[in-house]
């Protein structure tokens, strides 16, 4: 199977054409797709039409597909697929409505963050004038690191940031459209803080990437809190500067994947019901950050 690759922005993003994900993909073709994914950080395939089982199967070729902490938003019969949606049934969200509405990299609060995440666009918000809403922004954490002055690179070398799930949960509820309730102590105990390098190395490309997130990183080991939070904010703000970004305008049938080591992302919430958005999300396992 042959395919073409069209880069989308200077630092990340590429469209892959000529691949039907509902059909079997041979080993050689998949290896080339995997290499393209590592190189560009974000890849997408337009006009796809496949089943939940096929989405899980393809995602699983990049790493073991896992389930999600918010199990109430899983697709019926498929715990590996999370519904990301603003659609409601009986005034209750059928999916995770605030997903991605702050800049972040997925599940950095876990000891083993996922290698990547994928979204399959089932419905996108379009008004009567055919204006499309709900774009997603992606930022290259590797390009952001490479653009740092040498003095700052030297300062952050070897530092380790503290990532907190309950801090992320509270921050998301505070600054976005969210129905999240305050976490119980049992939930906090189930997700203790973890420590990851401030500068993470991509396991396939070897590129160094900034790995800090506003609202989720609560400190740096061995550094006074005020100094640590100021440094984390400086690095996180730098990571998502416009010059490192790619903006994706969704179409129904898009299947898009991003790399959680080298990329951060933000979902633009510029729509409300009756405009509907529905994505099927999968994620696949990665390695311990180093």
Protein backbone atom coordinates (compact mmCIF):
# COMPACT_ATOMS: atom_id res chain seq x y z
CA UNK A 1 0.00 0.00 0.00
CA UNK A 2 1.43 3.38 -0.98
CA UNK A 3 0.47 6.69 0.56
CA UNK A 4 1.43 10.35 0.42
CA UNK A 5 2.43 12.69 3.23
CA UNK A 6 1.60 16.40 3.19
CA UNK A 7 3.18 18.44 6.01
CA UNK A 8 0.83 21.01 7.54
CA UNK A 9 3.02 23.42 9.53
CA UNK A 10 6.67 24.23 10.06
CA UNK A 11 7.23 22.14 13.18
CA UNK A 12 4.53 19.47 13.31
CA UNK A 13 1.49 17.97 11.62
CA UNK A 14 1.02 15.95 8.44
CA UNK A 15 -1.89 14.58 6.44
CA UNK A 16 -1.56 11.00 5.20
CA UNK A 17 -3.55 10.25 2.04
CA UNK A 18 -4.15 6.94 0.30
CA UNK A 19 -4.82 4.81 3.40
CA UNK A 20 -8.16 3.18 4.20
CA UNK A 21 -8.07 2.29 7.89
CA UNK A 22 -10.99 -0.12 7.52
CA UNK A 23 -8.72 -2.42 5.49
CA UNK A 24 -5.77 -4.54 6.59
CA UNK A 25 -2.48 -2.64 6.53
CA UNK A 26 0.64 -4.64 5.81
CA UNK A 27 3.68 -4.52 8.09
CA UNK A 28 5.83 -2.44 5.76
CA UNK A 29 3.15 0.21 5.24
CA UNK A 30 2.44 0.38 8.95
CA UNK A 31 6.14 0.85 9.72
CA UNK A 32 6.20 3.87 7.38
CA UNK A 33 3.08 5.30 9.03
CA UNK A 34 4.70 4.82 12.43
CA UNK A 35 7.86 6.61 11.27
CA UNK A 36 5.76 9.48 9.91
CA UNK A 37 3.94 9.71 13.23
CA UNK A 38 7.20 9.94 15.18
CA UNK A 39 8.59 12.55 12.78
CA UNK A 40 5.62 14.92 12.64
CA UNK A 41 4.06 14.42 16.08
CA UNK A 42 0.54 14.82 14.66
CA UNK A 43 -0.82 12.83 11.73
CA UNK A 44 -4.34 12.52 10.35
CA UNK A 45 -6.31 10.58 7.77
CA UNK A 46 -9.38 12.14 6.11
CA UNK A 47 -12.65 10.46 5.07
CA UNK A 48 -12.33 7.34 7.21
CA UNK A 49 -15.24 4.98 7.87
CA UNK A 50 -14.48 2.17 10.29
CA UNK A 51 -15.96 0.39 13.29
CA UNK A 52 -15.02 0.82 16.96
CA UNK A 53 -13.27 -2.56 16.86
CA UNK A 54 -11.23 -1.43 13.85
CA UNK A 55 -10.27 1.79 15.62
CA UNK A 56 -9.12 -0.18 18.65
CA UNK A 57 -7.21 -2.64 16.47
CA UNK A 58 -5.34 0.06 14.50
CA UNK A 59 -4.58 2.08 17.63
CA UNK A 60 -3.25 -1.07 19.26
CA UNK A 61 -0.51 -1.41 16.67
CA UNK A 62 1.18 1.66 18.19
CA UNK A 63 0.94 0.37 21.75
CA UNK A 64 -1.41 -1.44 24.09
CA UNK A 65 -4.81 0.25 24.13
CA UNK A 66 -6.06 1.10 27.61
CA UNK A 67 -9.31 2.18 29.23
CA UNK A 68 -9.94 5.56 30.86
CA UNK A 69 -10.34 6.73 34.47
CA UNK A 70 -13.73 8.32 33.63
CA UNK A 71 -15.39 5.02 32.72
CA UNK A 72 -18.89 6.52 32.71
CA UNK A 73 -18.05 8.17 29.37
CA UNK A 74 -16.92 5.01 27.60
CA UNK A 75 -18.65 3.79 24.45
CA UNK A 76 -21.10 0.99 25.30
CA UNK A 77 -19.35 -2.35 24.94
CA UNK A 78 -16.00 -0.72 24.23
CA UNK A 79 -14.26 0.51 27.40
CA UNK A 80 -11.19 1.34 25.26
CA UNK A 81 -13.11 4.15 23.53
CA UNK A 82 -13.88 7.35 25.40
CA UNK A 83 -16.68 9.58 24.12
CA UNK A 84 -15.55 13.20 23.89
CA UNK A 85 -18.73 15.20 23.38
CA UNK A 86 -20.95 18.09 24.42
CA UNK A 87 -24.09 16.06 23.55
CA UNK A 88 -26.51 15.51 26.40
CA UNK A 89 -29.15 12.89 27.15
CA UNK A 90 -31.74 13.85 29.78
CA UNK A 91 -29.59 16.91 30.58
CA UNK A 92 -26.56 14.74 31.34
CA UNK A 93 -23.40 14.72 29.23
CA UNK A 94 -22.96 11.47 27.31
CA UNK A 95 -19.22 12.07 27.05
CA UNK A 96 -16.35 14.06 28.50
CA UNK A 97 -17.40 17.62 27.71
CA UNK A 98 -14.31 19.49 28.96
CA UNK A 99 -11.70 17.26 27.31
CA UNK A 100 -8.65 19.16 26.17
CA UNK A 101 -9.89 22.65 27.02
CA UNK A 102 -6.60 23.65 28.63
CA UNK A 103 -3.13 23.18 27.13
CA UNK A 104 -1.76 19.81 28.22
CA UNK A 105 -0.20 16.51 27.29
CA UNK A 106 -2.39 13.51 28.11
CA UNK A 107 -2.05 11.82 31.47
CA UNK A 108 1.34 13.23 32.39
CA UNK A 109 0.06 12.76 35.95
CA UNK A 110 0.53 8.98 35.56
CA UNK A 111 3.76 7.05 36.05
CA UNK A 112 3.50 5.67 32.51
CA UNK A 113 1.82 8.28 30.30
CA UNK A 114 0.37 7.03 27.00
CA UNK A 115 2.56 7.19 23.94
CA UNK A 116 -0.24 8.69 21.92
CA UNK A 117 -3.91 9.56 21.66
CA UNK A 118 -6.29 9.34 18.70
CA UNK A 119 -9.61 11.02 17.92
CA UNK A 120 -12.09 9.81 15.32
CA UNK A 121 -14.50 12.61 14.33
CA UNK A 122 -18.11 11.35 14.26
CA UNK A 123 -19.86 14.74 14.51
CA UNK A 124 -18.41 18.23 14.32
CA UNK A 125 -20.10 21.55 15.14
CA UNK A 126 -21.19 23.29 11.93
CA UNK A 127 -23.69 26.15 11.79
CA UNK A 128 -26.22 26.96 9.08
CA UNK A 129 -23.59 28.98 7.18
CA UNK A 130 -21.31 25.91 7.07
CA UNK A 131 -18.86 27.50 9.50
CA UNK A 132 -16.87 24.82 11.33
CA UNK A 133 -16.13 25.19 15.05
CA UNK A 134 -14.20 23.16 17.60
CA UNK A 135 -10.69 23.33 16.10
CA UNK A 136 -7.80 21.76 17.99
CA UNK A 137 -4.43 23.46 18.46
CA UNK A 138 -1.22 21.45 18.72
CA UNK A 139 2.18 22.73 19.82
CA UNK A 140 5.59 21.12 19.29
CA UNK A 141 7.30 20.67 22.65
CA UNK A 142 10.46 19.58 20.85
CA UNK A 143 10.65 22.73 18.69
CA UNK A 144 9.94 24.77 21.82
CA UNK A 145 12.87 23.16 23.65
CA UNK A 146 15.22 23.68 20.71
CA UNK A 147 14.32 27.38 20.61
CA UNK A 148 15.35 27.98 24.24
CA UNK A 149 18.53 29.97 24.90
CA UNK A 150 21.46 27.80 25.96
CA UNK A 151 21.54 29.32 29.43
CA UNK A 152 17.96 28.23 30.11
CA UNK A 153 18.63 24.77 28.65
CA UNK A 154 21.52 24.40 31.07
CA UNK A 155 19.40 25.64 33.98
CA UNK A 156 16.64 23.07 33.48
CA UNK A 157 18.85 20.10 32.59
CA UNK A 158 18.17 17.29 35.06
CA UNK A 159 15.26 19.00 36.82
CA UNK A 160 12.17 16.95 37.67
CA UNK A 161 8.65 18.36 37.81
CA UNK A 162 5.84 17.15 40.07
CA UNK A 163 2.66 16.30 38.14
CA UNK A 164 -0.67 16.16 39.99
CA UNK A 165 -3.91 14.59 38.75
CA UNK A 166 -6.09 16.34 41.31
CA UNK A 167 -4.45 19.69 40.52
CA UNK A 168 -5.21 19.11 36.83
CA UNK A 169 -8.78 18.08 37.69
CA UNK A 170 -9.37 21.22 39.77
CA UNK A 171 -7.72 23.51 37.20
CA UNK A 172 -9.81 22.11 34.34
CA UNK A 173 -13.02 22.53 36.37
CA UNK A 174 -12.05 26.11 37.20
CA UNK A 175 -11.13 27.48 33.77
CA UNK A 176 -13.26 25.50 31.30
CA UNK A 177 -16.84 24.42 30.60
CA UNK A 178 -16.95 21.46 32.95
CA UNK A 179 -19.30 19.26 34.94
CA UNK A 180 -16.50 17.81 37.08
CA UNK A 181 -17.18 17.41 40.76
CA UNK A 182 -14.50 17.89 43.39
CA UNK A 183 -12.41 14.75 43.79
CA UNK A 184 -12.90 12.64 46.90
CA UNK A 185 -9.96 11.73 49.11
CA UNK A 186 -10.19 8.14 47.86
CA UNK A 187 -9.85 9.38 44.28
CA UNK A 188 -6.87 11.53 45.23
CA UNK A 189 -5.24 8.59 46.99
CA UNK A 190 -5.74 6.45 43.88
CA UNK A 191 -3.78 8.95 41.78
CA UNK A 192 -0.75 10.12 43.78
CA UNK A 193 1.59 12.77 42.43
CA UNK A 194 4.34 11.60 40.06
CA UNK A 195 7.69 13.05 39.04
CA UNK A 196 8.91 13.37 35.44
CA UNK A 197 11.86 15.14 33.81
CA UNK A 198 11.26 18.76 32.87
CA UNK A 199 13.10 17.91 29.64
CA UNK A 200 11.96 14.58 28.24
CA UNK A 201 13.71 12.61 25.48
CA UNK A 202 11.59 11.15 22.70
CA UNK A 203 12.17 7.37 22.74
CA UNK A 204 12.19 7.02 18.93
CA UNK A 205 13.61 10.27 17.54
CA UNK A 206 15.91 11.17 20.42
CA UNK A 207 14.73 14.80 20.33
CA UNK A 208 14.42 16.60 23.64
CA UNK A 209 10.99 17.97 24.55
CA UNK A 210 9.69 20.30 27.24
CA UNK A 211 7.38 18.28 29.49
CA UNK A 212 5.61 20.72 31.80
CA UNK A 213 1.94 21.71 31.95
CA UNK A 214 0.24 24.76 33.44
CA UNK A 215 -2.21 23.87 36.21
CA UNK A 216 -0.94 20.29 36.43
CA UNK A 217 2.69 20.67 37.44
CA UNK A 218 2.76 21.80 41.07
CA UNK A 219 6.47 22.01 41.75
CA UNK A 220 10.03 21.01 40.94
CA UNK A 221 11.95 18.64 43.16
CA UNK A 222 14.45 20.44 45.40
CA UNK A 223 13.35 23.95 44.38
CA UNK A 224 11.42 26.51 46.47
CA UNK A 225 7.75 26.59 45.48
CA UNK A 226 7.63 30.19 44.26
CA UNK A 227 10.74 29.76 42.12
CA UNK A 228 9.51 26.44 40.76
CA UNK A 229 6.05 27.69 39.81
CA UNK A 230 7.52 30.74 38.08
CA UNK A 231 9.90 28.58 36.06
CA UNK A 232 7.18 26.07 35.19
CA UNK A 233 4.88 28.86 34.01
CA UNK A 234 7.67 30.35 31.89
CA UNK A 235 8.40 27.03 30.21
CA UNK A 236 4.75 26.06 29.73
CA UNK A 237 3.92 29.45 28.21
CA UNK A 238 6.92 29.21 25.89
CA UNK A 239 5.92 25.70 24.73
CA UNK A 240 2.60 26.83 23.29
CA UNK A 241 3.72 29.98 21.49
CA UNK A 242 2.00 30.42 18.09
CA UNK A 243 5.23 29.80 16.14
CA UNK A 244 5.28 26.19 17.41
CA UNK A 245 1.62 25.46 16.61
CA UNK A 246 -0.52 23.64 14.07
CA UNK A 247 -4.28 24.29 14.04
CA UNK A 248 -6.50 21.44 12.88
CA UNK A 249 -9.92 22.18 11.40
CA UNK A 250 -11.95 19.01 11.73
CA UNK A 251 -14.00 17.18 9.13
CA UNK A 252 -16.33 14.27 9.81
CA UNK A 253 -14.35 11.10 9.18
CA UNK A 254 -11.01 12.50 10.33
CA UNK A 255 -8.83 10.11 12.30
CA UNK A 256 -6.08 12.11 13.99
CA UNK A 257 -3.27 10.99 16.29
CA UNK A 258 -0.83 12.99 18.39
CA UNK A 259 2.34 12.10 20.25
CA UNK A 260 2.16 12.84 23.97
CA UNK A 261 5.92 13.21 24.40
CA UNK A 262 6.57 15.79 21.71
CA UNK A 263 3.18 17.54 21.47
CA UNK A 264 0.78 19.50 23.66
CA UNK A 265 -2.78 20.27 22.56
CA UNK A 266 -5.79 22.47 23.27
CA UNK A 267 -9.40 21.95 22.19
CA UNK A 268 -11.13 25.21 21.23
CA UNK A 269 -14.58 25.40 22.85
CA UNK A 270 -16.18 28.04 20.61
CA UNK A 271 -19.53 26.25 20.20
CA UNK A 272 -22.54 25.30 22.30
CA UNK A 273 -25.63 23.18 21.81
CA UNK A 274 -27.48 22.78 19.51
CA UNK A 275 -24.12 22.56 17.68
CA UNK A 276 -22.88 19.06 18.46
CA UNK A 277 -19.42 17.53 18.67
CA UNK A 278 -18.72 13.81 19.08
CA UNK A 279 -15.31 12.15 18.99
CA UNK A 280 -14.26 8.56 19.65
CA UNK A 281 -10.98 8.62 21.54
CA UNK A 282 -8.41 5.87 21.99
CA UNK A 283 -4.99 5.99 23.58
CA UNK A 284 -2.04 3.61 23.54
CA UNK A 285 0.68 2.83 26.01
CA UNK A 286 4.09 4.43 26.10
CA UNK A 287 7.31 4.15 28.05
CA UNK A 288 8.44 5.78 31.28
CA UNK A 289 9.63 9.35 30.57
CA UNK A 290 13.38 9.90 30.73
